[in-house]
């Protein structure tokens, strides 16, 4: 792999990690409100906070770059936001040459 590809992958990883961190932080901030929802709706409420955090970012350039690589552009992640972010991150980690276990998120996508 050449340096420009590695740099592209690392840049994309950094952007998605920023979005993911923001999603987790917002979820923590709103957790007291989420806990007030009906038990059956809490998982959806947590996902909603992650999705709202995702939509705080202008993702157009990131989405174009992801699509050009044949990856999910995160445009349809509303039903499983963190699982979508994690799935794209796992592929990018591998493309960038990072070792580690690729986690399957199939169950999260089914539940979404």
Protein backbone atom coordinates (compact mmCIF):
# COMPACT_ATOMS: atom_id res chain seq x y z
CA UNK A 1 0.00 0.00 0.00
CA UNK A 2 1.33 3.42 -0.84
CA UNK A 3 1.56 6.30 1.61
CA UNK A 4 -1.24 8.32 0.02
CA UNK A 5 -3.71 5.43 0.42
CA UNK A 6 -2.63 4.85 4.00
CA UNK A 7 -3.05 8.56 4.73
CA UNK A 8 -6.53 8.54 3.16
CA UNK A 9 -7.58 5.59 5.31
CA UNK A 10 -6.14 7.16 8.46
CA UNK A 11 -7.91 10.44 7.70
CA UNK A 12 -11.23 8.65 7.22
CA UNK A 13 -10.69 6.69 10.43
CA UNK A 14 -10.05 9.91 12.35
CA UNK A 15 -13.21 11.53 10.97
CA UNK A 16 -15.42 8.57 11.78
CA UNK A 17 -13.89 8.16 15.23
CA UNK A 18 -14.70 11.84 15.90
CA UNK A 19 -18.32 11.28 14.89
CA UNK A 20 -18.52 8.10 16.97
CA UNK A 21 -17.03 9.78 20.03
CA UNK A 22 -19.54 12.61 19.71
CA UNK A 23 -22.38 10.06 19.43
CA UNK A 24 -21.28 8.24 22.57
CA UNK A 25 -20.82 11.50 24.49
CA UNK A 26 -24.27 12.78 23.48
CA UNK A 27 -25.81 9.47 24.50
CA UNK A 28 -24.18 9.77 27.92
CA UNK A 29 -25.41 13.36 28.28
CA UNK A 30 -28.98 12.35 27.42
CA UNK A 31 -29.01 9.06 29.31
CA UNK A 32 -31.20 10.40 32.13
CA UNK A 33 -33.82 11.38 29.55
CA UNK A 34 -33.50 8.06 27.74
CA UNK A 35 -34.07 6.23 31.04
CA UNK A 36 -37.43 8.02 31.33
CA UNK A 37 -38.68 6.35 28.16
CA UNK A 38 -40.54 3.07 28.20
CA UNK A 39 -38.23 0.10 28.63
CA UNK A 40 -39.19 -1.25 25.21
CA UNK A 41 -38.13 2.02 23.57
CA UNK A 42 -34.79 2.62 25.27
CA UNK A 43 -32.63 0.90 22.68
CA UNK A 44 -34.30 2.98 19.98
CA UNK A 45 -33.86 6.12 22.07
CA UNK A 46 -30.15 5.40 22.47
CA UNK A 47 -29.89 4.89 18.72
CA UNK A 48 -31.73 8.16 18.14
CA UNK A 49 -29.18 10.07 20.21
CA UNK A 50 -26.37 8.50 18.16
CA UNK A 51 -28.16 9.38 14.93
CA UNK A 52 -28.71 12.98 16.05
CA UNK A 53 -25.01 13.25 16.86
CA UNK A 54 -24.14 11.87 13.42
CA UNK A 55 -26.35 14.47 11.78
CA UNK A 56 -24.53 17.28 13.61
CA UNK A 57 -21.72 16.79 11.10
CA UNK A 58 -21.56 17.77 7.44
CA UNK A 59 -20.77 14.33 6.06
CA UNK A 60 -20.93 15.07 2.34
CA UNK A 61 -17.19 14.89 1.62
CA UNK A 62 -16.72 11.92 3.94
CA UNK A 63 -19.63 10.14 2.26
CA UNK A 64 -18.16 10.73 -1.18
CA UNK A 65 -14.81 9.31 -0.09
CA UNK A 66 -16.40 6.26 1.52
CA UNK A 67 -18.55 5.61 -1.55
CA UNK A 68 -15.52 5.90 -3.82
CA UNK A 69 -13.95 3.07 -1.80
CA UNK A 70 -17.09 0.96 -2.11
CA UNK A 71 -17.94 1.39 1.57
CA UNK A 72 -21.16 2.42 3.24
CA UNK A 73 -21.61 6.16 3.03
CA UNK A 74 -23.55 6.07 6.33
CA UNK A 75 -26.52 7.57 4.51
CA UNK A 76 -28.93 4.89 5.69
CA UNK A 77 -27.63 4.34 9.18
CA UNK A 78 -30.61 5.71 11.06
CA UNK A 79 -31.76 2.30 12.31
CA UNK A 80 -28.34 1.19 13.57
CA UNK A 81 -26.07 4.20 13.80
CA UNK A 82 -23.24 2.96 16.03
CA UNK A 83 -23.19 -0.44 14.32
CA UNK A 84 -22.83 1.32 10.96
CA UNK A 85 -20.00 3.51 12.21
CA UNK A 86 -18.24 0.52 13.77
CA UNK A 87 -18.61 -1.61 10.64
CA UNK A 88 -17.06 1.07 8.43
CA UNK A 89 -14.31 1.66 10.98
CA UNK A 90 -13.43 -2.03 11.05
CA UNK A 91 -12.99 -2.12 7.27
CA UNK A 92 -10.93 1.07 7.31
CA UNK A 93 -8.72 -0.29 10.10
CA UNK A 94 -7.98 -3.32 7.95
CA UNK A 95 -7.37 -1.23 4.83
CA UNK A 96 -4.94 0.92 6.81
CA UNK A 97 -3.07 -2.19 7.94
CA UNK A 98 -4.16 -2.20 11.58
CA UNK A 99 -4.29 -5.58 13.25
CA UNK A 100 -7.29 -6.58 15.23
CA UNK A 101 -10.45 -8.56 15.21
CA UNK A 102 -13.13 -7.55 12.77
CA UNK A 103 -16.37 -7.51 14.71
CA UNK A 104 -19.58 -8.66 13.09
CA UNK A 105 -22.50 -6.31 13.51
CA UNK A 106 -25.07 -8.44 11.68
CA UNK A 107 -27.22 -8.78 14.80
CA UNK A 108 -27.24 -5.01 15.36
CA UNK A 109 -28.34 -4.43 11.78
CA UNK A 110 -31.14 -6.99 12.12
CA UNK A 111 -32.42 -5.36 15.32
CA UNK A 112 -32.27 -1.86 13.85
